[in-house]
Amino acid sequence: MNYIRILAVSLAVSVASPALGHMSVADSTEAVSEPSLGEAVSEIREYIVRTGPGFNFAVAYRLPGSVTFSIECTTYDTLGNQWYRLTDGNYIVAAHVVNPGNPPAC
């Protein structure tokens, strides 16, 4: 399991969810040091999490751009877009995730 942290401008929030584990949200626009392996940095303000690996799947929920979440594996949709399956079984597109480690194929 790889852990990814995505950083951006957002409201301060800390959420504990059995489905997602612990998520922490940054409340800062300060420069962030280089991510370590398994951490990702993004300027996305919000992520759309979908029920399957593709833009045609329903929106499961939205995540602020500055959260920590876990991925189980990676897969591709029929158009060749890479997606990460989260530990709750939903998917997030990999296009804006930087340095997520090396998740296994789903």
N, C-alpha and C. Protein backbone atom coordinates (compact mmCIF):
# COMPACT_ATOMS: atom_id res chain seq x y z
N MET A 1 0.84 -1.15 0.00
CA MET A 1 0.00 0.00 0.00
C MET A 1 0.90 1.23 0.00
N ASN A 2 0.62 2.18 -0.87
CA ASN A 2 1.38 3.42 -0.95
C ASN A 2 0.56 4.54 -0.34
N TYR A 3 1.23 5.45 0.36
CA TYR A 3 0.56 6.60 0.94
C TYR A 3 0.93 7.82 0.13
N ILE A 4 -0.05 8.63 -0.22
CA ILE A 4 0.15 9.80 -1.05
C ILE A 4 -0.34 11.02 -0.29
N ARG A 5 0.43 12.08 -0.31
CA ARG A 5 -0.01 13.33 0.28
C ARG A 5 -0.04 14.37 -0.82
N ILE A 6 -1.16 15.04 -0.97
CA ILE A 6 -1.32 16.05 -2.00
C ILE A 6 -1.51 17.39 -1.29
N LEU A 7 -0.73 18.39 -1.68
CA LEU A 7 -0.73 19.67 -0.99
C LEU A 7 -1.23 20.78 -1.89
N ALA A 8 -2.09 21.64 -1.37
CA ALA A 8 -2.59 22.81 -2.09
C ALA A 8 -3.23 23.75 -1.07
N VAL A 9 -3.74 24.89 -1.57
CA VAL A 9 -4.41 25.83 -0.69
C VAL A 9 -5.78 25.26 -0.36
N SER A 10 -6.15 25.28 0.90
CA SER A 10 -7.43 24.71 1.32
C SER A 10 -7.74 25.14 2.73
N LEU A 11 -8.96 24.88 3.18
CA LEU A 11 -9.34 25.12 4.56
C LEU A 11 -8.72 24.05 5.44
N ALA A 12 -8.47 24.39 6.69
CA ALA A 12 -7.89 23.41 7.61
C ALA A 12 -8.96 22.42 8.04
N VAL A 13 -8.69 21.16 7.83
CA VAL A 13 -9.63 20.10 8.18
C VAL A 13 -8.83 18.87 8.56
N SER A 14 -9.31 18.14 9.51
CA SER A 14 -8.74 16.84 9.82
C SER A 14 -9.90 15.89 9.98
N VAL A 15 -9.89 14.81 9.21
CA VAL A 15 -11.02 13.89 9.17
C VAL A 15 -10.53 12.49 9.45
N ALA A 16 -11.22 11.77 10.27
CA ALA A 16 -10.94 10.35 10.46
C ALA A 16 -12.12 9.59 9.87
N SER A 17 -11.85 8.72 8.93
CA SER A 17 -12.89 7.97 8.26
C SER A 17 -12.47 6.52 8.18
N PRO A 18 -13.34 5.57 8.55
CA PRO A 18 -12.96 4.16 8.45
C PRO A 18 -12.67 3.75 7.02
N ALA A 19 -13.34 4.39 6.07
CA ALA A 19 -13.14 4.03 4.66
C ALA A 19 -11.82 4.55 4.14
N LEU A 20 -11.43 5.75 4.54
CA LEU A 20 -10.24 6.38 3.98
C LEU A 20 -9.07 6.41 4.95
N GLY A 21 -9.29 6.07 6.19
CA GLY A 21 -8.23 6.24 7.16
C GLY A 21 -8.15 7.70 7.54
N HIS A 22 -7.03 8.14 8.02
CA HIS A 22 -6.87 9.53 8.46
C HIS A 22 -6.51 10.40 7.28
N MET A 23 -7.19 11.54 7.15
CA MET A 23 -6.88 12.50 6.11
C MET A 23 -6.57 13.83 6.80
N SER A 24 -5.50 14.48 6.41
CA SER A 24 -5.22 15.79 6.97
C SER A 24 -5.12 16.79 5.83
N VAL A 25 -5.63 17.98 6.07
CA VAL A 25 -5.69 18.99 5.03
C VAL A 25 -4.86 20.19 5.45
N ALA A 26 -4.00 20.66 4.57
CA ALA A 26 -3.14 21.80 4.87
C ALA A 26 -3.93 23.10 4.80
N ASP A 27 -3.53 24.08 5.57
CA ASP A 27 -4.14 25.40 5.52
C ASP A 27 -3.04 26.42 5.32
N SER A 28 -2.30 26.28 4.24
CA SER A 28 -1.14 27.12 4.03
C SER A 28 -0.84 27.24 2.55
N THR A 29 -0.33 28.40 2.17
CA THR A 29 0.16 28.58 0.81
C THR A 29 1.68 28.62 0.79
N GLU A 30 2.29 28.32 1.94
CA GLU A 30 3.75 28.34 2.04
C GLU A 30 4.38 27.30 1.14
N ALA A 31 5.62 27.55 0.77
CA ALA A 31 6.35 26.57 -0.04
C ALA A 31 6.51 25.29 0.76
N VAL A 32 6.43 24.19 0.07
CA VAL A 32 6.54 22.88 0.69
C VAL A 32 7.83 22.24 0.22
N SER A 33 8.54 21.58 1.12
CA SER A 33 9.78 20.92 0.74
C SER A 33 9.49 19.79 -0.24
N GLU A 34 10.53 19.33 -0.90
CA GLU A 34 10.40 18.23 -1.85
C GLU A 34 9.76 17.03 -1.17
N PRO A 35 8.80 16.39 -1.84
CA PRO A 35 8.17 15.23 -1.22
C PRO A 35 9.13 14.05 -1.17
N SER A 36 8.97 13.23 -0.15
CA SER A 36 9.74 12.00 -0.09
C SER A 36 9.02 10.94 -0.91
N LEU A 37 9.68 9.83 -1.15
CA LEU A 37 9.07 8.76 -1.92
C LEU A 37 7.75 8.36 -1.27
N GLY A 38 6.72 8.26 -2.09
CA GLY A 38 5.40 7.91 -1.57
C GLY A 38 4.55 9.11 -1.23
N GLU A 39 5.11 10.33 -1.31
CA GLU A 39 4.33 11.54 -1.10
C GLU A 39 4.19 12.24 -2.44
N ALA A 40 3.07 12.90 -2.63
CA ALA A 40 2.82 13.58 -3.88
C ALA A 40 2.44 15.03 -3.61
N VAL A 41 2.84 15.93 -4.50
CA VAL A 41 2.52 17.33 -4.36
C VAL A 41 1.71 17.76 -5.57
N SER A 42 0.64 18.49 -5.34
CA SER A 42 -0.22 18.92 -6.42
C SER A 42 -0.78 20.30 -6.11
N GLU A 43 -1.14 21.05 -7.13
CA GLU A 43 -1.79 22.33 -6.94
C GLU A 43 -3.28 22.23 -7.23
N ILE A 44 -3.81 21.04 -7.27
CA ILE A 44 -5.22 20.82 -7.49
C ILE A 44 -5.98 21.23 -6.24
N ARG A 45 -7.04 21.99 -6.39
CA ARG A 45 -7.83 22.43 -5.23
C ARG A 45 -8.84 21.38 -4.80
N GLU A 46 -9.25 20.52 -5.71
CA GLU A 46 -10.23 19.50 -5.37
C GLU A 46 -10.06 18.30 -6.30
N TYR A 47 -10.17 17.14 -5.74
CA TYR A 47 -10.14 15.91 -6.53
C TYR A 47 -11.53 15.32 -6.58
N ILE A 48 -11.90 14.82 -7.74
CA ILE A 48 -13.16 14.10 -7.89
C ILE A 48 -12.83 12.62 -7.84
N VAL A 49 -13.38 11.95 -6.85
CA VAL A 49 -13.17 10.51 -6.68
C VAL A 49 -14.36 9.81 -7.31
N ARG A 50 -14.07 8.83 -8.17
CA ARG A 50 -15.13 8.15 -8.92
C ARG A 50 -15.29 6.71 -8.48
N THR A 51 -16.43 6.13 -8.84
CA THR A 51 -16.75 4.76 -8.45
C THR A 51 -16.01 3.72 -9.28
N GLY A 52 -15.42 4.13 -10.38
CA GLY A 52 -14.67 3.22 -11.23
C GLY A 52 -13.57 3.96 -11.95
N PRO A 53 -12.70 3.25 -12.65
CA PRO A 53 -11.55 3.86 -13.31
C PRO A 53 -11.90 4.45 -14.68
N GLY A 54 -12.53 5.61 -14.67
CA GLY A 54 -12.87 6.30 -15.91
C GLY A 54 -13.75 7.50 -15.62
N PHE A 55 -13.70 8.49 -16.53
CA PHE A 55 -14.49 9.70 -16.34
C PHE A 55 -15.98 9.46 -16.52
N ASN A 56 -16.35 8.32 -17.10
CA ASN A 56 -17.75 7.99 -17.29
C ASN A 56 -18.39 7.38 -16.04
N PHE A 57 -17.61 7.07 -15.02
CA PHE A 57 -18.14 6.51 -13.78
C PHE A 57 -18.69 7.63 -12.90
N ALA A 58 -19.65 7.29 -12.06
CA ALA A 58 -20.28 8.27 -11.17
C ALA A 58 -19.28 8.84 -10.17
N VAL A 59 -19.54 10.07 -9.75
CA VAL A 59 -18.73 10.71 -8.71
C VAL A 59 -19.12 10.09 -7.37
N ALA A 60 -18.14 9.53 -6.68
CA ALA A 60 -18.38 8.94 -5.35
C ALA A 60 -18.37 10.05 -4.29
N TYR A 61 -17.37 10.93 -4.36
CA TYR A 61 -17.24 12.06 -3.45
C TYR A 61 -16.11 12.94 -3.95
N ARG A 62 -15.90 14.05 -3.29
CA ARG A 62 -14.83 14.99 -3.63
C ARG A 62 -13.88 15.11 -2.45
N LEU A 63 -12.61 15.27 -2.77
CA LEU A 63 -11.59 15.47 -1.74
C LEU A 63 -10.93 16.82 -1.96
N PRO A 64 -10.65 17.56 -0.89
CA PRO A 64 -9.88 18.78 -1.05
C PRO A 64 -8.49 18.44 -1.58
N GLY A 65 -7.87 19.39 -2.24
CA GLY A 65 -6.58 19.14 -2.86
C GLY A 65 -5.46 18.82 -1.91
N SER A 66 -5.63 19.06 -0.63
CA SER A 66 -4.55 18.86 0.34
C SER A 66 -4.91 17.76 1.32
N VAL A 67 -4.90 16.55 0.87
CA VAL A 67 -5.26 15.44 1.75
C VAL A 67 -4.20 14.36 1.69
N THR A 68 -4.21 13.51 2.67
CA THR A 68 -3.39 12.31 2.66
C THR A 68 -4.34 11.14 2.51
N PHE A 69 -4.07 10.28 1.54
CA PHE A 69 -4.91 9.11 1.36
C PHE A 69 -4.05 7.95 0.89
N SER A 70 -4.61 6.76 0.94
CA SER A 70 -3.87 5.54 0.59
C SER A 70 -4.37 4.98 -0.73
N ILE A 71 -3.45 4.44 -1.52
CA ILE A 71 -3.84 3.76 -2.75
C ILE A 71 -3.45 2.30 -2.65
N GLU A 72 -4.24 1.47 -3.30
CA GLU A 72 -3.97 0.04 -3.31
C GLU A 72 -3.24 -0.39 -4.57
N CYS A 73 -3.67 0.18 -5.72
CA CYS A 73 -3.11 -0.29 -6.98
C CYS A 73 -3.40 0.72 -8.09
N THR A 74 -2.87 0.45 -9.26
CA THR A 74 -3.07 1.32 -10.42
C THR A 74 -3.66 0.53 -11.58
N THR A 75 -4.47 1.21 -12.38
CA THR A 75 -5.08 0.60 -13.56
C THR A 75 -5.28 1.68 -14.62
N TYR A 76 -5.76 1.29 -15.78
CA TYR A 76 -5.98 2.22 -16.89
C TYR A 76 -7.40 2.09 -17.40
N ASP A 77 -7.97 3.21 -17.86
CA ASP A 77 -9.29 3.14 -18.48
C ASP A 77 -9.14 2.82 -19.96
N THR A 78 -10.25 2.75 -20.68
CA THR A 78 -10.23 2.37 -22.09
C THR A 78 -9.57 3.42 -22.97
N LEU A 79 -9.41 4.64 -22.47
CA LEU A 79 -8.74 5.71 -23.22
C LEU A 79 -7.25 5.81 -22.90
N GLY A 80 -6.78 4.98 -21.97
CA GLY A 80 -5.37 4.98 -21.60
C GLY A 80 -5.02 5.86 -20.43
N ASN A 81 -6.01 6.47 -19.78
CA ASN A 81 -5.74 7.29 -18.59
C ASN A 81 -5.44 6.39 -17.40
N GLN A 82 -4.41 6.74 -16.64
CA GLN A 82 -4.05 5.97 -15.46
C GLN A 82 -4.89 6.40 -14.26
N TRP A 83 -5.33 5.43 -13.47
CA TRP A 83 -6.15 5.66 -12.28
C TRP A 83 -5.56 4.91 -11.11
N TYR A 84 -5.74 5.46 -9.90
CA TYR A 84 -5.35 4.78 -8.67
C TYR A 84 -6.62 4.34 -7.94
N ARG A 85 -6.62 3.08 -7.50
CA ARG A 85 -7.73 2.61 -6.66
C ARG A 85 -7.37 2.90 -5.22
N LEU A 86 -8.25 3.61 -4.54
CA LEU A 86 -8.06 3.95 -3.14
C LEU A 86 -8.44 2.75 -2.27
N THR A 87 -8.07 2.80 -1.02
CA THR A 87 -8.35 1.67 -0.13
C THR A 87 -9.84 1.47 0.12
N ASP A 88 -10.67 2.46 -0.20
CA ASP A 88 -12.12 2.29 -0.04
C ASP A 88 -12.78 1.73 -1.30
N GLY A 89 -11.97 1.43 -2.33
CA GLY A 89 -12.50 0.83 -3.56
C GLY A 89 -12.87 1.83 -4.63
N ASN A 90 -12.79 3.13 -4.36
CA ASN A 90 -13.06 4.15 -5.37
C ASN A 90 -11.77 4.53 -6.08
N TYR A 91 -11.87 5.37 -7.12
CA TYR A 91 -10.74 5.67 -7.98
C TYR A 91 -10.50 7.16 -8.12
N ILE A 92 -9.21 7.51 -8.30
CA ILE A 92 -8.81 8.89 -8.55
C ILE A 92 -7.85 8.88 -9.73
N VAL A 93 -8.02 9.83 -10.66
CA VAL A 93 -7.16 9.88 -11.84
C VAL A 93 -5.74 10.23 -11.41
N ALA A 94 -4.76 9.60 -12.02
CA ALA A 94 -3.37 9.75 -11.61
C ALA A 94 -2.66 10.94 -12.26
N ALA A 95 -3.30 11.62 -13.19
CA ALA A 95 -2.65 12.65 -13.99
C ALA A 95 -1.98 13.75 -13.18
N HIS A 96 -2.54 14.15 -12.05
CA HIS A 96 -2.00 15.26 -11.27
C HIS A 96 -1.27 14.81 -10.02
N VAL A 97 -1.08 13.52 -9.86
CA VAL A 97 -0.38 12.99 -8.70
C VAL A 97 1.09 12.82 -9.06
N VAL A 98 1.96 13.37 -8.24
CA VAL A 98 3.39 13.34 -8.50
C VAL A 98 4.08 12.46 -7.46
N ASN A 99 4.96 11.59 -7.91
CA ASN A 99 5.79 10.76 -7.03
C ASN A 99 4.98 9.89 -6.06
N PRO A 100 4.05 9.08 -6.59
CA PRO A 100 3.23 8.25 -5.69
C PRO A 100 3.90 6.96 -5.25
N GLY A 101 5.13 6.75 -5.61
CA GLY A 101 5.75 5.46 -5.34
C GLY A 101 5.50 4.54 -6.53
N ASN A 102 5.43 3.26 -6.28
CA ASN A 102 5.23 2.30 -7.36
C ASN A 102 4.11 1.32 -6.98
N PRO A 103 2.84 1.79 -7.07
CA PRO A 103 1.75 0.89 -6.70
C PRO A 103 1.64 -0.27 -7.68
N PRO A 104 1.24 -1.43 -7.21
CA PRO A 104 1.10 -2.59 -8.11
C PRO A 104 -0.10 -2.42 -9.04
N ALA A 105 -0.15 -3.20 -10.08
CA ALA A 105 -1.30 -3.21 -10.97
C ALA A 105 -2.50 -3.83 -10.25
N CYS A 106 -3.67 -3.34 -10.56
CA CYS A 106 -4.90 -3.89 -9.96
C CYS A 106 -5.21 -5.25 -10.57
